[in-house]
Amino acid sequence: MPITNSDAILHYNVGIFGEAGYAVPNWSNDIGSLNPTIVDWTQLVGRNLFHIMHHEDVDLRIPPSRNTLERIHKLYLRAASILAGRAVPPGERNMEVQHVRPAGEVFRVYPVPYFKVRNPFLKRWAELVLLSLAEAMQHTENRKEMEVSTAFAGLVGQYLRRVYANMAIELFGKDRTAAMADGFTLTEADFAAYNPGEFFTATEMVDTVPRLDRVLTEDRLELLSEGIPVTELPADIAPWPTNLTNFYSSVRTDATIGAASGSNGTTTAAPIIPPAPAP
């Protein structure tokens, strides 16, 4: 089981994969689910992220190719369709079992390159997707046997929505208002007109050759691509060695958490966090 004093993305420190900076989402101590929708969703998203993050674009600092962007586009639409189609609003009755009880399933994870990824877009998008998977794995609705709520869908779906909006704004030049609007999707015409050189500096469009000895074959990745039950991962799996928690615990002794926010000991109103967007 992982170290549970942190919800940081976990380092899959196994052989060459550990050296290459592979990662898995942090399920904390929640190893499985009774909820078939959550199991389906985590497997769909995890497997697709695995294949996206083993594309050659991951090793290049230049903007991703149309191939990769179309795969992200399809993953977003597919994952969103599951959340939109299966989530039950609070005013609607849930379907409930009467005589049967599901046995539940152990979560499977699909380790992906992350910590040493050279492409800045794919690294940040992978981070958001890994966080979304961790949210789903740790969500209380894993106890629900048949349904997920629109609150669950909004929570886990917001990460993929942010990936999609970021892709549309930065790589396709879309307006933020349009990219964040409900129902927004990129079109075939958008992909056909894709030209990152229109928005990026000359420096961003040039890269050096990456190291070539970590281009793994399909056979080498076979075990990972099948998914690994979280109960079969190494017992000492932990966050990346240089995470902030380790740093501050070793060099800082000040206690700032819980201190008064004003010089006179008074507190100020906390900012209001906007609700998670619908999937």
Protein backbone atom coordinates (compact mmCIF):
# COMPACT_ATOMS: atom_id res chain seq x y z
CA MET A 1 0.00 0.00 0.00
CA PRO A 2 1.23 3.55 -0.67
CA ILE A 3 2.24 6.09 1.92
CA THR A 4 -1.07 7.74 2.78
CA ASN A 5 0.18 10.99 4.31
CA SER A 6 0.09 12.49 0.83
CA ASP A 7 -2.33 12.45 -2.09
CA ALA A 8 0.50 13.16 -4.52
CA ILE A 9 0.78 11.21 -7.74
CA LEU A 10 2.76 8.04 -6.99
CA HIS A 11 6.08 7.05 -8.52
CA TYR A 12 5.91 3.59 -10.12
CA ASN A 13 9.45 2.83 -9.06
CA VAL A 14 9.86 -0.59 -10.68
CA GLY A 15 12.93 -1.35 -12.79
CA ILE A 16 13.37 0.65 -15.96
CA PHE A 17 9.91 2.17 -15.49
CA GLY A 18 10.98 3.74 -12.22
CA GLU A 19 14.11 5.15 -13.84
CA ALA A 20 11.99 6.58 -16.66
CA GLY A 21 9.71 8.37 -14.17
CA TYR A 22 6.51 6.35 -14.54
CA ALA A 23 3.53 7.20 -12.34
CA VAL A 24 0.18 5.86 -11.14
CA PRO A 25 -2.78 7.67 -9.55
CA ASN A 26 -2.93 7.75 -5.76
CA TRP A 27 -5.79 5.54 -4.55
CA SER A 28 -4.74 6.16 -0.92
CA ASN A 29 -6.09 3.19 1.07
CA ASP A 30 -9.19 2.74 -1.12
CA ILE A 31 -8.26 -0.36 -3.06
CA GLY A 32 -11.54 -1.12 -4.80
CA SER A 33 -15.14 -0.28 -5.53
CA LEU A 34 -18.66 -1.71 -5.39
CA ASN A 35 -19.69 0.71 -8.11
CA PRO A 36 -19.55 -0.60 -11.70
CA THR A 37 -19.65 2.87 -13.26
CA ILE A 38 -16.61 4.05 -11.31
CA VAL A 39 -14.73 0.85 -12.18
CA ASP A 40 -15.63 1.23 -15.88
CA TRP A 41 -14.68 4.90 -15.91
CA THR A 42 -11.30 4.49 -14.21
CA GLN A 43 -10.38 1.65 -16.56
CA LEU A 44 -11.45 3.53 -19.68
CA VAL A 45 -9.59 6.69 -18.74
CA GLY A 46 -6.54 4.84 -17.38
CA ARG A 47 -6.11 2.67 -20.49
CA ASN A 48 -6.51 5.60 -22.87
CA LEU A 49 -4.06 7.74 -20.93
CA PHE A 50 -1.60 4.84 -21.07
CA HIS A 51 -1.69 4.75 -24.87
CA ILE A 52 -1.60 8.54 -25.26
CA MET A 53 1.44 8.81 -22.99
CA HIS A 54 3.38 6.20 -24.95
CA HIS A 55 3.16 8.18 -28.19
CA GLU A 56 6.32 9.76 -29.59
CA ASP A 57 4.93 13.24 -28.88
CA VAL A 58 5.60 12.68 -25.17
CA ASP A 59 9.37 12.74 -25.80
CA LEU A 60 9.30 16.03 -27.73
CA ARG A 61 9.05 19.56 -26.32
CA ILE A 62 7.29 20.88 -29.40
CA PRO A 63 3.46 21.09 -29.53
CA PRO A 64 1.77 17.69 -29.90
CA SER A 65 0.76 16.35 -33.30
CA ARG A 66 -2.79 16.26 -34.59
CA ASN A 67 -2.79 12.48 -33.98
CA THR A 68 -2.40 12.94 -30.23
CA LEU A 69 -4.84 15.82 -30.02
CA GLU A 70 -7.52 13.79 -31.79
CA ARG A 71 -7.01 10.95 -29.32
CA ILE A 72 -7.46 13.39 -26.42
CA HIS A 73 -10.55 14.78 -28.15
CA LYS A 74 -12.08 11.30 -28.43
CA LEU A 75 -11.16 10.39 -24.85
CA TYR A 76 -12.83 13.55 -23.59
CA LEU A 77 -16.03 12.87 -25.51
CA ARG A 78 -16.10 9.18 -24.51
CA ALA A 79 -15.42 9.81 -20.82
CA ALA A 80 -17.90 12.67 -20.72
CA SER A 81 -20.58 10.52 -22.36
CA ILE A 82 -20.25 7.93 -19.57
CA LEU A 83 -20.58 10.57 -16.86
CA ALA A 84 -23.43 12.39 -18.57
CA GLY A 85 -25.29 9.18 -19.40
CA ARG A 86 -25.00 7.42 -16.05
CA ALA A 87 -24.98 10.21 -13.45
CA VAL A 88 -28.25 10.58 -11.52
CA PRO A 89 -29.35 14.08 -10.40
CA PRO A 90 -30.28 14.54 -6.73
CA GLY A 91 -33.99 14.83 -7.42
CA GLU A 92 -34.18 11.48 -9.17
CA ARG A 93 -34.49 8.10 -7.44
CA ASN A 94 -31.49 5.80 -7.57
CA MET A 95 -31.86 2.26 -8.80
CA GLU A 96 -31.31 -0.05 -5.83
CA VAL A 97 -30.65 -3.76 -5.38
CA GLN A 98 -33.02 -5.91 -3.35
CA HIS A 99 -31.59 -9.40 -2.94
CA VAL A 100 -28.12 -9.23 -4.49
CA ARG A 101 -24.93 -7.56 -3.37
CA PRO A 102 -21.99 -7.00 -5.73
CA ALA A 103 -18.67 -8.48 -4.73
CA GLY A 104 -16.80 -5.39 -5.87
CA GLU A 105 -13.59 -5.09 -7.86
CA VAL A 106 -10.04 -4.10 -7.04
CA PHE A 107 -8.89 -1.02 -8.94
CA ARG A 108 -6.40 -1.55 -11.75
CA VAL A 109 -3.86 1.12 -12.68
CA TYR A 110 -1.96 1.66 -15.91
CA PRO A 111 1.49 3.14 -15.18
CA VAL A 112 2.40 5.99 -17.52
CA PRO A 113 5.46 8.16 -18.18
CA TYR A 114 5.02 11.35 -16.15
CA PHE A 115 7.79 12.66 -13.93
CA LYS A 116 10.41 12.88 -16.69
CA VAL A 117 8.09 13.67 -19.62
CA ARG A 118 9.62 16.34 -21.85
CA ASN A 119 6.44 17.59 -23.49
CA PRO A 120 5.00 20.33 -21.23
CA PHE A 121 1.44 20.01 -22.56
CA LEU A 122 1.19 16.26 -22.16
CA LYS A 123 2.81 16.30 -18.74
CA ARG A 124 0.29 18.81 -17.35
CA TRP A 125 -2.65 17.09 -19.02
CA ALA A 126 -1.50 13.73 -17.67
CA GLU A 127 -1.30 15.28 -14.22
CA LEU A 128 -4.92 16.43 -14.41
CA VAL A 129 -6.09 13.02 -15.61
CA LEU A 130 -4.14 11.19 -12.88
CA LEU A 131 -5.73 13.49 -10.30
CA SER A 132 -9.15 12.77 -11.77
CA LEU A 133 -8.53 9.03 -11.45
CA ALA A 134 -7.42 9.48 -7.83
CA GLU A 135 -10.59 11.47 -7.08
CA ALA A 136 -12.71 8.66 -8.53
CA MET A 137 -10.85 5.94 -6.62
CA GLN A 138 -11.13 7.76 -3.30
CA HIS A 139 -14.72 8.95 -3.73
CA THR A 140 -17.31 7.90 -1.17
CA GLU A 141 -19.67 6.74 -3.93
CA ASN A 142 -17.54 3.65 -4.39
CA ARG A 143 -19.87 2.31 -1.69
CA LYS A 144 -22.92 2.88 -3.90
CA GLU A 145 -23.82 -0.33 -5.68
CA MET A 146 -25.60 0.86 -8.81
CA GLU A 147 -25.47 4.62 -9.43
CA VAL A 148 -23.22 7.66 -9.42
CA SER A 149 -24.45 11.17 -8.76
CA THR A 150 -24.12 14.32 -10.83
CA ALA A 151 -21.90 15.62 -8.00
CA PHE A 152 -19.47 12.75 -8.61
CA ALA A 153 -19.59 13.36 -12.37
CA GLY A 154 -18.89 17.06 -11.92
CA LEU A 155 -15.97 16.40 -9.57
CA VAL A 156 -14.07 13.86 -11.67
CA GLY A 157 -15.17 15.35 -14.99
CA GLN A 158 -13.85 18.83 -14.26
CA TYR A 159 -10.26 17.66 -14.73
CA LEU A 160 -10.87 16.31 -18.24
CA ARG A 161 -12.89 19.37 -19.10
CA ARG A 162 -9.96 21.56 -18.08
CA VAL A 163 -7.61 19.48 -20.25
CA TYR A 164 -9.92 19.91 -23.23
CA ALA A 165 -10.40 23.65 -22.71
CA ASN A 166 -6.66 24.17 -22.28
CA MET A 167 -6.00 22.29 -25.51
CA ALA A 168 -8.60 24.34 -27.38
CA ILE A 169 -7.33 27.68 -26.07
CA GLU A 170 -3.57 27.21 -26.30
CA LEU A 171 -3.27 25.03 -29.39
CA PHE A 172 -6.28 26.07 -31.44
CA GLY A 173 -6.60 29.71 -30.42
CA LYS A 174 -10.15 29.38 -29.11
CA ASP A 175 -11.64 32.04 -26.85
CA ARG A 176 -11.81 30.98 -23.20
CA THR A 177 -15.51 31.76 -22.94
CA ALA A 178 -16.26 29.55 -25.93
CA ALA A 179 -13.91 26.75 -24.83
CA MET A 180 -15.46 26.59 -21.33
CA ALA A 181 -19.06 26.70 -22.55
CA ASP A 182 -21.29 23.67 -22.02
CA GLY A 183 -21.34 21.44 -25.07
CA PHE A 184 -18.22 22.92 -26.69
CA THR A 185 -16.27 20.58 -28.97
CA LEU A 186 -13.57 21.03 -31.56
CA THR A 187 -14.61 20.29 -35.12
CA GLU A 188 -13.00 18.45 -38.01
CA ALA A 189 -12.30 21.84 -39.55
CA ASP A 190 -10.42 22.89 -36.40
CA PHE A 191 -8.17 19.83 -36.58
CA ALA A 192 -7.60 20.29 -40.33
CA ALA A 193 -6.51 23.90 -39.71
CA TYR A 194 -4.26 23.01 -36.75
CA ASN A 195 -1.09 25.13 -36.96
CA PRO A 196 0.72 25.60 -33.64
CA GLY A 197 3.35 27.80 -35.29
CA GLU A 198 0.65 30.47 -35.48
CA PHE A 199 0.52 30.78 -31.68
CA PHE A 200 3.96 29.69 -30.42
CA THR A 201 7.38 31.30 -30.44
CA ALA A 202 10.14 30.02 -32.69
CA THR A 203 11.91 28.63 -29.62
CA GLU A 204 8.91 26.49 -28.70
CA MET A 205 8.78 25.02 -32.19
CA VAL A 206 12.36 23.66 -32.04
CA ASP A 207 13.72 20.83 -29.91
CA THR A 208 16.82 18.69 -29.48
CA VAL A 209 16.77 14.92 -30.00
CA PRO A 210 15.64 13.10 -26.82
CA ARG A 211 17.34 9.99 -25.47
CA LEU A 212 16.35 6.97 -27.53
CA ASP A 213 17.07 4.09 -25.16
CA ARG A 214 13.72 4.32 -23.35
CA VAL A 215 11.54 3.72 -26.38
CA LEU A 216 9.91 0.54 -25.11
CA THR A 217 8.44 -2.14 -27.35
CA GLU A 218 4.83 -3.32 -27.21
CA ASP A 219 6.01 -6.61 -25.67
CA ARG A 220 7.92 -4.77 -22.95
CA LEU A 221 4.80 -2.77 -22.09
CA GLU A 222 2.41 -5.73 -22.22
CA LEU A 223 2.09 -6.22 -18.46
CA LEU A 224 1.47 -2.52 -17.87
CA SER A 225 -1.07 -2.27 -20.66
CA GLU A 226 -3.18 -5.00 -19.06
CA GLY A 227 -3.47 -2.97 -15.89
CA ILE A 228 -2.05 -3.86 -12.49
CA PRO A 229 -4.33 -4.43 -9.48
CA VAL A 230 -3.38 -1.91 -6.80
CA THR A 231 -3.05 -4.78 -4.33
CA GLU A 232 -0.19 -6.21 -6.42
CA LEU A 233 1.92 -3.03 -6.52
CA PRO A 234 5.12 -2.75 -4.45
CA ALA A 235 4.50 -2.11 -0.76
CA ASP A 236 6.96 0.80 -0.73
CA ILE A 237 5.36 2.76 -3.59
CA ALA A 238 5.55 6.46 -2.72
CA PRO A 239 5.47 9.96 -4.20
CA TRP A 240 8.31 11.25 -6.36
CA PRO A 241 11.42 11.68 -4.16
CA THR A 242 11.55 15.46 -4.62
CA ASN A 243 7.95 16.29 -3.65
CA LEU A 244 7.30 19.36 -1.49
CA THR A 245 6.17 17.41 1.57
CA ASN A 246 9.54 15.71 1.93
CA PHE A 247 11.40 18.98 1.36
CA TYR A 248 9.53 21.08 3.90
CA SER A 249 9.48 18.39 6.55
CA SER A 250 13.27 18.22 6.45
CA VAL A 251 14.21 21.91 6.21
CA ARG A 252 11.35 23.96 7.69
CA THR A 253 10.43 24.12 11.36
CA ASP A 254 7.96 27.02 11.31
CA ALA A 255 4.30 26.28 12.03
CA THR A 256 2.27 28.45 9.69
CA ILE A 257 -0.81 26.30 9.25
CA GLY A 258 -3.64 27.64 11.35
CA ALA A 259 -1.90 30.93 12.15
CA ALA A 260 -3.93 34.12 12.12
CA SER A 261 -4.13 35.63 8.68
CA GLY A 262 -3.97 39.28 9.80
CA SER A 263 -1.35 41.10 11.83
CA ASN A 264 -3.94 41.88 14.50
CA GLY A 265 -5.00 38.23 14.82
CA THR A 266 -8.21 38.61 12.84
CA THR A 267 -9.16 36.44 9.91
CA THR A 268 -10.44 37.40 6.49
CA ALA A 269 -13.20 35.77 4.51
CA ALA A 270 -12.08 32.78 2.47
CA PRO A 271 -12.47 32.97 -1.29
CA ILE A 272 -15.53 31.23 -2.68
CA ILE A 273 -14.59 28.21 -4.77
CA PRO A 274 -16.76 27.89 -7.89
CA PRO A 275 -18.72 24.64 -8.15
CA ALA A 276 -17.32 21.87 -10.32
CA PRO A 277 -18.67 22.15 -13.86
CA ALA A 278 -21.07 19.54 -15.17
CA PRO A 279 -19.52 16.88 -17.41
